[in-house]
Amino acid sequence: MVSHNEDRELQIELARLQMKHQTTLSAFLGLLAAEISLFGIVYALYYTTSSEQSKVWFLLVMFGFIFIIFFTIRYFSKQLKEIEEQTKSFRKKYVW
């Protein structure tokens, strides 16, 4: 049987984990939105530019944004997996 003190510890740990999850998810979505917006701006500038040299630079920047978006998604997915593993360890610690 779980004591009142252990139940309180569990609630505190779950609240901390939930705050970490919300902060990570908010940062991810905000950064991803900013990256996609900047990608859209560069994409629009690519089609309004008449200089071939400028088009090459805009194209390189667009490919750079694709890699940045990929690594952002990869980094935050690792963060969320870590949070999920912490949740599983809490479940093992307090439930069984």
PDB file of N, CA and C in Angstrom:
ATOM      1  N   MET A   1       0.842  -1.177   0.000  1.00  0.00           N
ATOM      2  CA  MET A   1       0.000   0.000   0.000  1.00  0.00           C
ATOM      3  C   MET A   1       0.887   1.240   0.000  1.00  0.00           C
ATOM      4  N   VAL A   2       0.492   2.221  -0.751  1.00  0.00           N
ATOM      5  CA  VAL A   2       1.271   3.439  -0.884  1.00  0.00           C
ATOM      6  C   VAL A   2       0.928   4.378   0.258  1.00  0.00           C
ATOM      7  N   SER A   3       1.978   4.872   0.892  1.00  0.00           N
ATOM      8  CA  SER A   3       1.735   5.804   1.992  1.00  0.00           C
ATOM      9  C   SER A   3       1.384   7.185   1.445  1.00  0.00           C
ATOM     10  N   HIS A   4       0.874   8.012   2.321  1.00  0.00           N
ATOM     11  CA  HIS A   4       0.482   9.365   1.924  1.00  0.00           C
ATOM     12  C   HIS A   4       1.699  10.169   1.465  1.00  0.00           C
ATOM     13  N   ASN A   5       2.837   9.954   2.106  1.00  0.00           N
ATOM     14  CA  ASN A   5       4.060  10.676   1.752  1.00  0.00           C
ATOM     15  C   ASN A   5       4.559  10.257   0.368  1.00  0.00           C
ATOM     16  N   GLU A   6       4.515   8.952   0.057  1.00  0.00           N
ATOM     17  CA  GLU A   6       4.925   8.481  -1.264  1.00  0.00           C
ATOM     18  C   GLU A   6       3.985   8.989  -2.344  1.00  0.00           C
ATOM     19  N   ASP A   7       2.711   9.056  -2.028  1.00  0.00           N
ATOM     20  CA  ASP A   7       1.741   9.580  -2.987  1.00  0.00           C
ATOM     21  C   ASP A   7       2.027  11.053  -3.293  1.00  0.00           C
ATOM     22  N   ARG A   8       2.380  11.790  -2.275  1.00  0.00           N
ATOM     23  CA  ARG A   8       2.718  13.196  -2.462  1.00  0.00           C
ATOM     24  C   ARG A   8       3.989  13.344  -3.303  1.00  0.00           C
ATOM     25  N   GLU A   9       4.995  12.499  -3.059  1.00  0.00           N
ATOM     26  CA  GLU A   9       6.227  12.521  -3.853  1.00  0.00           C
ATOM     27  C   GLU A   9       5.930  12.205  -5.313  1.00  0.00           C
ATOM     28  N   LEU A  10       5.069  11.229  -5.544  1.00  0.00           N
ATOM     29  CA  LEU A  10       4.690  10.867  -6.903  1.00  0.00           C
ATOM     30  C   LEU A  10       4.021  12.036  -7.612  1.00  0.00           C
ATOM     31  N   GLN A  11       3.119  12.709  -6.941  1.00  0.00           N
ATOM     32  CA  GLN A  11       2.426  13.842  -7.554  1.00  0.00           C
ATOM     33  C   GLN A  11       3.402  14.969  -7.890  1.00  0.00           C
ATOM     34  N   ILE A  12       4.360  15.216  -7.013  1.00  0.00           N
ATOM     35  CA  ILE A  12       5.362  16.262  -7.265  1.00  0.00           C
ATOM     36  C   ILE A  12       6.232  15.881  -8.458  1.00  0.00           C
ATOM     37  N   GLU A  13       6.687  14.643  -8.514  1.00  0.00           N
ATOM     38  CA  GLU A  13       7.521  14.193  -9.631  1.00  0.00           C
ATOM     39  C   GLU A  13       6.756  14.229 -10.948  1.00  0.00           C
ATOM     40  N   LEU A  14       5.502  13.820 -10.924  1.00  0.00           N
ATOM     41  CA  LEU A  14       4.696  13.867 -12.147  1.00  0.00           C
ATOM     42  C   LEU A  14       4.449  15.301 -12.605  1.00  0.00           C
ATOM     43  N   ALA A  15       4.270  16.212 -11.658  1.00  0.00           N
ATOM     44  CA  ALA A  15       4.087  17.620 -12.020  1.00  0.00           C
ATOM     45  C   ALA A  15       5.363  18.176 -12.650  1.00  0.00           C
ATOM     46  N   ARG A  16       6.513  17.825 -12.104  1.00  0.00           N
ATOM     47  CA  ARG A  16       7.789  18.267 -12.696  1.00  0.00           C
ATOM     48  C   ARG A  16       7.965  17.714 -14.097  1.00  0.00           C
ATOM     49  N   LEU A  17       7.634  16.450 -14.250  1.00  0.00           N
ATOM     50  CA  LEU A  17       7.757  15.815 -15.560  1.00  0.00           C
ATOM     51  C   LEU A  17       6.802  16.442 -16.574  1.00  0.00           C
ATOM     52  N   GLN A  18       5.604  16.762 -16.130  1.00  0.00           N
ATOM     53  CA  GLN A  18       4.641  17.401 -17.027  1.00  0.00           C
ATOM     54  C   GLN A  18       5.106  18.797 -17.433  1.00  0.00           C
ATOM     55  N   MET A  19       5.688  19.544 -16.498  1.00  0.00           N
ATOM     56  CA  MET A  19       6.219  20.873 -16.839  1.00  0.00           C
ATOM     57  C   MET A  19       7.358  20.753 -17.842  1.00  0.00           C
ATOM     58  N   LYS A  20       8.233  19.758 -17.645  1.00  0.00           N
ATOM     59  CA  LYS A  20       9.339  19.549 -18.583  1.00  0.00           C
ATOM     60  C   LYS A  20       8.797  19.186 -19.961  1.00  0.00           C
ATOM     61  N   HIS A  21       7.788  18.337 -19.997  1.00  0.00           N
ATOM     62  CA  HIS A  21       7.185  17.927 -21.267  1.00  0.00           C
ATOM     63  C   HIS A  21       6.550  19.118 -21.978  1.00  0.00           C
ATOM     64  N   GLN A  22       5.801  19.932 -21.253  1.00  0.00           N
ATOM     65  CA  GLN A  22       5.152  21.097 -21.862  1.00  0.00           C
ATOM     66  C   GLN A  22       6.179  22.114 -22.352  1.00  0.00           C
ATOM     67  N   THR A  23       7.229  22.327 -21.586  1.00  0.00           N
ATOM     68  CA  THR A  23       8.271  23.267 -21.991  1.00  0.00           C
ATOM     69  C   THR A  23       8.983  22.779 -23.246  1.00  0.00           C
ATOM     70  N   THR A  24       9.311  21.500 -23.278  1.00  0.00           N
ATOM     71  CA  THR A  24       9.988  20.925 -24.444  1.00  0.00           C
ATOM     72  C   THR A  24       9.107  21.002 -25.679  1.00  0.00           C
ATOM     73  N   LEU A  25       7.850  20.655 -25.526  1.00  0.00           N
ATOM     74  CA  LEU A  25       6.936  20.686 -26.661  1.00  0.00           C
ATOM     75  C   LEU A  25       6.693  22.113 -27.160  1.00  0.00           C
ATOM     76  N   SER A  26       6.563  23.071 -26.251  1.00  0.00           N
ATOM     77  CA  SER A  26       6.376  24.467 -26.645  1.00  0.00           C
ATOM     78  C   SER A  26       7.604  25.005 -27.379  1.00  0.00           C
ATOM     79  N   ALA A  27       8.786  24.679 -26.870  1.00  0.00           N
ATOM     80  CA  ALA A  27      10.019  25.124 -27.532  1.00  0.00           C
ATOM     81  C   ALA A  27      10.137  24.506 -28.917  1.00  0.00           C
ATOM     82  N   PHE A  28       9.808  23.232 -29.029  1.00  0.00           N
ATOM     83  CA  PHE A  28       9.870  22.549 -30.314  1.00  0.00           C
ATOM     84  C   PHE A  28       8.927  23.178 -31.335  1.00  0.00           C
ATOM     85  N   LEU A  29       7.684  23.371 -30.938  1.00  0.00           N
ATOM     86  CA  LEU A  29       6.707  23.931 -31.876  1.00  0.00           C
ATOM     87  C   LEU A  29       7.043  25.369 -32.252  1.00  0.00           C
ATOM     88  N   GLY A  30       7.517  26.151 -31.290  1.00  0.00           N
ATOM     89  CA  GLY A  30       7.905  27.526 -31.589  1.00  0.00           C
ATOM     90  C   GLY A  30       9.086  27.595 -32.545  1.00  0.00           C
ATOM     91  N   LEU A  31      10.098  26.789 -32.280  1.00  0.00           N
ATOM     92  CA  LEU A  31      11.278  26.773 -33.148  1.00  0.00           C
ATOM     93  C   LEU A  31      10.940  26.244 -34.531  1.00  0.00           C
ATOM     94  N   LEU A  32      10.129  25.216 -34.581  1.00  0.00           N
ATOM     95  CA  LEU A  32       9.732  24.664 -35.878  1.00  0.00           C
ATOM     96  C   LEU A  32       8.912  25.673 -36.684  1.00  0.00           C
ATOM     97  N   ALA A  33       8.026  26.395 -36.028  1.00  0.00           N
ATOM     98  CA  ALA A  33       7.229  27.417 -36.725  1.00  0.00           C
ATOM     99  C   ALA A  33       8.126  28.530 -37.260  1.00  0.00           C
ATOM    100  N   ALA A  34       9.108  28.952 -36.465  1.00  0.00           N
ATOM    101  CA  ALA A  34      10.032  29.998 -36.913  1.00  0.00           C
ATOM    102  C   ALA A  34      10.859  29.511 -38.110  1.00  0.00           C
ATOM    103  N   GLU A  35      11.325  28.279 -38.052  1.00  0.00           N
ATOM    104  CA  GLU A  35      12.118  27.740 -39.160  1.00  0.00           C
ATOM    105  C   GLU A  35      11.297  27.623 -40.440  1.00  0.00           C
ATOM    106  N   ILE A  36      10.078  27.161 -40.320  1.00  0.00           N
ATOM    107  CA  ILE A  36       9.226  27.031 -41.508  1.00  0.00           C
ATOM    108  C   ILE A  36       8.868  28.406 -42.063  1.00  0.00           C
ATOM    109  N   SER A  37       8.657  29.384 -41.193  1.00  0.00           N
ATOM    110  CA  SER A  37       8.363  30.744 -41.657  1.00  0.00           C
ATOM    111  C   SER A  37       9.553  31.327 -42.406  1.00  0.00           C
ATOM    112  N   LEU A  38      10.741  31.154 -41.859  1.00  0.00           N
ATOM    113  CA  LEU A  38      11.935  31.652 -42.546  1.00  0.00           C
ATOM    114  C   LEU A  38      12.160  30.922 -43.860  1.00  0.00           C
ATOM    115  N   PHE A  39      11.874  29.635 -43.877  1.00  0.00           N
ATOM    116  CA  PHE A  39      11.964  28.878 -45.118  1.00  0.00           C
ATOM    117  C   PHE A  39      11.001  29.445 -46.158  1.00  0.00           C
ATOM    118  N   GLY A  40       9.786  29.781 -45.741  1.00  0.00           N
ATOM    119  CA  GLY A  40       8.809  30.365 -46.658  1.00  0.00           C
ATOM    120  C   GLY A  40       9.248  31.722 -47.195  1.00  0.00           C
ATOM    121  N   ILE A  41       9.880  32.523 -46.340  1.00  0.00           N
ATOM    122  CA  ILE A  41      10.377  33.830 -46.787  1.00  0.00           C
ATOM    123  C   ILE A  41      11.474  33.652 -47.826  1.00  0.00           C
ATOM    124  N   VAL A  42      12.411  32.761 -47.561  1.00  0.00           N
ATOM    125  CA  VAL A  42      13.495  32.516 -48.521  1.00  0.00           C
ATOM    126  C   VAL A  42      12.930  31.938 -49.810  1.00  0.00           C
ATOM    127  N   TYR A  43      11.944  31.081 -49.704  1.00  0.00           N
ATOM    128  CA  TYR A  43      11.309  30.501 -50.891  1.00  0.00           C
ATOM    129  C   TYR A  43      10.652  31.591 -51.736  1.00  0.00           C
ATOM    130  N   ALA A  44       9.978  32.531 -51.081  1.00  0.00           N
ATOM    131  CA  ALA A  44       9.343  33.636 -51.818  1.00  0.00           C
ATOM    132  C   ALA A  44      10.393  34.542 -52.460  1.00  0.00           C
ATOM    133  N   LEU A  45      11.465  34.792 -51.740  1.00  0.00           N
ATOM    134  CA  LEU A  45      12.534  35.629 -52.301  1.00  0.00           C
ATOM    135  C   LEU A  45      13.209  34.961 -53.491  1.00  0.00           C
ATOM    136  N   TYR A  46      13.269  33.644 -53.478  1.00  0.00           N
ATOM    137  CA  TYR A  46      13.874  32.912 -54.589  1.00  0.00           C
ATOM    138  C   TYR A  46      13.142  33.191 -55.895  1.00  0.00           C
ATOM    139  N   TYR A  47      11.818  33.229 -55.840  1.00  0.00           N
ATOM    140  CA  TYR A  47      11.043  33.440 -57.063  1.00  0.00           C
ATOM    141  C   TYR A  47      10.908  34.902 -57.453  1.00  0.00           C
ATOM    142  N   THR A  48      11.238  35.823 -56.560  1.00  0.00           N
ATOM    143  CA  THR A  48      11.165  37.239 -56.927  1.00  0.00           C
ATOM    144  C   THR A  48      12.507  37.788 -57.383  1.00  0.00           C
ATOM    145  N   THR A  49      13.566  37.028 -57.206  1.00  0.00           N
ATOM    146  CA  THR A  49      14.897  37.482 -57.587  1.00  0.00           C
ATOM    147  C   THR A  49      15.162  37.148 -59.044  1.00  0.00           C
ATOM    148  N   SER A  50      15.746  38.101 -59.754  1.00  0.00           N
ATOM    149  CA  SER A  50      16.045  37.866 -61.165  1.00  0.00           C
ATOM    150  C   SER A  50      17.497  37.448 -61.383  1.00  0.00           C
ATOM    151  N   SER A  51      18.368  37.732 -60.442  1.00  0.00           N
ATOM    152  CA  SER A  51      19.779  37.396 -60.579  1.00  0.00           C
ATOM    153  C   SER A  51      20.001  35.897 -60.370  1.00  0.00           C
ATOM    154  N   GLU A  52      20.763  35.289 -61.266  1.00  0.00           N
ATOM    155  CA  GLU A  52      21.031  33.853 -61.161  1.00  0.00           C
ATOM    156  C   GLU A  52      21.915  33.534 -59.955  1.00  0.00           C
ATOM    157  N   GLN A  53      22.846  34.439 -59.649  1.00  0.00           N
ATOM    158  CA  GLN A  53      23.725  34.215 -58.509  1.00  0.00           C
ATOM    159  C   GLN A  53      22.923  34.245 -57.196  1.00  0.00           C
ATOM    160  N   SER A  54      21.987  35.165 -57.109  1.00  0.00           N
ATOM    161  CA  SER A  54      21.143  35.232 -55.913  1.00  0.00           C
ATOM    162  C   SER A  54      20.276  33.985 -55.780  1.00  0.00           C
ATOM    163  N   LYS A  55      19.789  33.482 -56.910  1.00  0.00           N
ATOM    164  CA  LYS A  55      18.962  32.275 -56.869  1.00  0.00           C
ATOM    165  C   LYS A  55      19.758  31.084 -56.343  1.00  0.00           C
ATOM    166  N   VAL A  56      21.021  31.005 -56.720  1.00  0.00           N
ATOM    167  CA  VAL A  56      21.863  29.911 -56.231  1.00  0.00           C
ATOM    168  C   VAL A  56      22.014  30.021 -54.715  1.00  0.00           C
ATOM    169  N   TRP A  57      22.265  31.221 -54.211  1.00  0.00           N
ATOM    170  CA  TRP A  57      22.421  31.403 -52.763  1.00  0.00           C
ATOM    171  C   TRP A  57      21.125  31.099 -52.020  1.00  0.00           C
ATOM    172  N   PHE A  58      20.000  31.548 -52.558  1.00  0.00           N
ATOM    173  CA  PHE A  58      18.714  31.247 -51.919  1.00  0.00           C
ATOM    174  C   PHE A  58      18.433  29.743 -51.923  1.00  0.00           C
ATOM    175  N   LEU A  59      18.814  29.073 -52.990  1.00  0.00           N
ATOM    176  CA  LEU A  59      18.631  27.632 -53.065  1.00  0.00           C
ATOM    177  C   LEU A  59      19.477  26.916 -52.001  1.00  0.00           C
ATOM    178  N   LEU A  60      20.716  27.356 -51.834  1.00  0.00           N
ATOM    179  CA  LEU A  60      21.572  26.775 -50.796  1.00  0.00           C
ATOM    180  C   LEU A  60      21.008  27.026 -49.399  1.00  0.00           C
ATOM    181  N   VAL A  61      20.474  28.217 -49.188  1.00  0.00           N
ATOM    182  CA  VAL A  61      19.876  28.536 -47.888  1.00  0.00           C
ATOM    183  C   VAL A  61      18.644  27.664 -47.643  1.00  0.00           C
ATOM    184  N   MET A  62      17.849  27.433 -48.671  1.00  0.00           N
ATOM    185  CA  MET A  62      16.664  26.580 -48.512  1.00  0.00           C
ATOM    186  C   MET A  62      17.070  25.153 -48.142  1.00  0.00           C
ATOM    187  N   PHE A  63      18.105  24.625 -48.785  1.00  0.00           N
ATOM    188  CA  PHE A  63      18.573  23.290 -48.417  1.00  0.00           C
ATOM    189  C   PHE A  63      19.124  23.278 -46.990  1.00  0.00           C
ATOM    190  N   GLY A  64      19.760  24.366 -46.596  1.00  0.00           N
ATOM    191  CA  GLY A  64      20.231  24.482 -45.220  1.00  0.00           C
ATOM    192  C   GLY A  64      19.084  24.437 -44.228  1.00  0.00           C
ATOM    193  N   PHE A  65      17.995  25.119 -44.549  1.00  0.00           N
ATOM    194  CA  PHE A  65      16.820  25.092 -43.671  1.00  0.00           C
ATOM    195  C   PHE A  65      16.218  23.696 -43.573  1.00  0.00           C
ATOM    196  N   ILE A  66      16.252  22.958 -44.651  1.00  0.00           N
ATOM    197  CA  ILE A  66      15.731  21.593 -44.611  1.00  0.00           C
ATOM    198  C   ILE A  66      16.528  20.756 -43.618  1.00  0.00           C
ATOM    199  N   PHE A  67      17.858  20.887 -43.630  1.00  0.00           N
ATOM    200  CA  PHE A  67      18.689  20.151 -42.679  1.00  0.00           C
ATOM    201  C   PHE A  67      18.462  20.634 -41.252  1.00  0.00           C
ATOM    202  N   ILE A  68      18.311  21.933 -41.078  1.00  0.00           N
ATOM    203  CA  ILE A  68      18.060  22.471 -39.738  1.00  0.00           C
ATOM    204  C   ILE A  68      16.732  21.953 -39.195  1.00  0.00           C
ATOM    205  N   ILE A  69      15.703  21.933 -40.012  1.00  0.00           N
ATOM    206  CA  ILE A  69      14.397  21.418 -39.584  1.00  0.00           C
ATOM    207  C   ILE A  69      14.506  19.931 -39.232  1.00  0.00           C
ATOM    208  N   PHE A  70      15.231  19.176 -40.042  1.00  0.00           N
ATOM    209  CA  PHE A  70      15.414  17.750 -39.766  1.00  0.00           C
ATOM    210  C   PHE A  70      16.104  17.534 -38.418  1.00  0.00           C
ATOM    211  N   PHE A  71      17.173  18.268 -38.154  1.00  0.00           N
ATOM    212  CA  PHE A  71      17.893  18.083 -36.898  1.00  0.00           C
ATOM    213  C   PHE A  71      17.097  18.601 -35.702  1.00  0.00           C
ATOM    214  N   THR A  72      16.270  19.602 -35.904  1.00  0.00           N
ATOM    215  CA  THR A  72      15.395  20.075 -34.831  1.00  0.00           C
ATOM    216  C   THR A  72      14.395  18.989 -34.449  1.00  0.00           C
ATOM    217  N   ILE A  73      13.781  18.371 -35.437  1.00  0.00           N
ATOM    218  CA  ILE A  73      12.829  17.296 -35.169  1.00  0.00           C
ATOM    219  C   ILE A  73      13.524  16.122 -34.487  1.00  0.00           C
ATOM    220  N   ARG A  74      14.710  15.792 -34.952  1.00  0.00           N
ATOM    221  CA  ARG A  74      15.461  14.677 -34.363  1.00  0.00           C
ATOM    222  C   ARG A  74      15.835  14.962 -32.904  1.00  0.00           C
ATOM    223  N   TYR A  75      16.313  16.169 -32.623  1.00  0.00           N
ATOM    224  CA  TYR A  75      16.719  16.536 -31.265  1.00  0.00           C
ATOM    225  C   TYR A  75      15.533  16.476 -30.302  1.00  0.00           C
ATOM    226  N   PHE A  76      14.416  17.070 -30.683  1.00  0.00           N
ATOM    227  CA  PHE A  76      13.272  17.104 -29.784  1.00  0.00           C
ATOM    228  C   PHE A  76      12.591  15.750 -29.652  1.00  0.00           C
ATOM    229  N   SER A  77      12.677  14.902 -30.662  1.00  0.00           N
ATOM    230  CA  SER A  77      12.121  13.559 -30.509  1.00  0.00           C
ATOM    231  C   SER A  77      12.937  12.766 -29.492  1.00  0.00           C
ATOM    232  N   LYS A  78      14.246  12.979 -29.447  1.00  0.00           N
ATOM    233  CA  LYS A  78      15.070  12.335 -28.415  1.00  0.00           C
ATOM    234  C   LYS A  78      14.696  12.850 -27.034  1.00  0.00           C
ATOM    235  N   GLN A  79      14.441  14.155 -26.928  1.00  0.00           N
ATOM    236  CA  GLN A  79      14.034  14.730 -25.648  1.00  0.00           C
ATOM    237  C   GLN A  79      12.723  14.109 -25.165  1.00  0.00           C
ATOM    238  N   LEU A  80      11.774  13.949 -26.064  1.00  0.00           N
ATOM    239  CA  LEU A  80      10.480  13.383 -25.684  1.00  0.00           C
ATOM    240  C   LEU A  80      10.584  11.901 -25.327  1.00  0.00           C
ATOM    241  N   LYS A  81      11.494  11.173 -25.982  1.00  0.00           N
ATOM    242  CA  LYS A  81      11.704   9.775 -25.614  1.00  0.00           C
ATOM    243  C   LYS A  81      12.302   9.674 -24.214  1.00  0.00           C
ATOM    244  N   GLU A  82      13.189  10.602 -23.879  1.00  0.00           N
ATOM    245  CA  GLU A  82      13.771  10.626 -22.535  1.00  0.00           C
ATOM    246  C   GLU A  82      12.698  10.877 -21.478  1.00  0.00           C
ATOM    247  N   ILE A  83      11.792  11.780 -21.765  1.00  0.00           N
ATOM    248  CA  ILE A  83      10.699  12.061 -20.836  1.00  0.00           C
ATOM    249  C   ILE A  83       9.799  10.832 -20.690  1.00  0.00           C
ATOM    250  N   GLU A  84       9.557  10.133 -21.783  1.00  0.00           N
ATOM    251  CA  GLU A  84       8.734   8.920 -21.726  1.00  0.00           C
ATOM    252  C   GLU A  84       9.406   7.840 -20.880  1.00  0.00           C
ATOM    253  N   GLU A  85      10.722   7.717 -20.997  1.00  0.00           N
ATOM    254  CA  GLU A  85      11.447   6.740 -20.175  1.00  0.00           C
ATOM    255  C   GLU A  85      11.389   7.119 -18.699  1.00  0.00           C
ATOM    256  N   GLN A  86      11.442   8.393 -18.386  1.00  0.00           N
ATOM    257  CA  GLN A  86      11.304   8.824 -16.999  1.00  0.00           C
ATOM    258  C   GLN A  86       9.919   8.486 -16.458  1.00  0.00           C
ATOM    259  N   THR A  87       8.924   8.635 -17.303  1.00  0.00           N
ATOM    260  CA  THR A  87       7.560   8.288 -16.889  1.00  0.00           C
ATOM    261  C   THR A  87       7.457   6.796 -16.592  1.00  0.00           C
ATOM    262  N   LYS A  88       8.071   5.966 -17.422  1.00  0.00           N
ATOM    263  CA  LYS A  88       8.056   4.526 -17.181  1.00  0.00           C
ATOM    264  C   LYS A  88       8.775   4.172 -15.886  1.00  0.00           C
ATOM    265  N   SER A  89       9.883   4.867 -15.610  1.00  0.00           N
ATOM    266  CA  SER A  89      10.606   4.569 -14.366  1.00  0.00           C
ATOM    267  C   SER A  89       9.787   4.985 -13.149  1.00  0.00           C
ATOM    268  N   PHE A  90       9.038   6.081 -13.234  1.00  0.00           N
ATOM    269  CA  PHE A  90       8.143   6.480 -12.132  1.00  0.00           C
ATOM    270  C   PHE A  90       7.055   5.437 -11.924  1.00  0.00           C
ATOM    271  N   ARG A  91       6.536   4.926 -13.025  1.00  0.00           N
ATOM    272  CA  ARG A  91       5.485   3.915 -12.937  1.00  0.00           C
ATOM    273  C   ARG A  91       6.019   2.671 -12.224  1.00  0.00           C
ATOM    274  N   LYS A  92       7.229   2.246 -12.597  1.00  0.00           N
ATOM    275  CA  LYS A  92       7.815   1.078 -11.940  1.00  0.00           C
ATOM    276  C   LYS A  92       8.107   1.340 -10.473  1.00  0.00           C
ATOM    277  N   LYS A  93       8.555   2.546 -10.178  1.00  0.00           N
ATOM    278  CA  LYS A  93       8.942   2.888  -8.802  1.00  0.00           C
ATOM    279  C   LYS A  93       7.736   2.981  -7.870  1.00  0.00           C
ATOM    280  N   TYR A  94       6.675   3.572  -8.342  1.00  0.00           N
ATOM    281  CA  TYR A  94       5.546   3.858  -7.448  1.00  0.00           C
ATOM    282  C   TYR A  94       4.382   2.877  -7.577  1.00  0.00           C
ATOM    283  N   VAL A  95       4.248   2.212  -8.708  1.00  0.00           N
ATOM    284  CA  VAL A  95       3.107   1.321  -8.856  1.00  0.00           C
ATOM    285  C   VAL A  95       3.459  -0.084  -8.363  1.00  0.00           C
ATOM    286  N   TRP A  96       4.629  -0.584  -8.732  1.00  0.00           N
ATOM    287  CA  TRP A  96       5.010  -1.938  -8.291  1.00  0.00           C
ATOM    288  C   TRP A  96       6.203  -1.889  -7.399  1.00  0.00           C
TER     289      TRP A  96
END
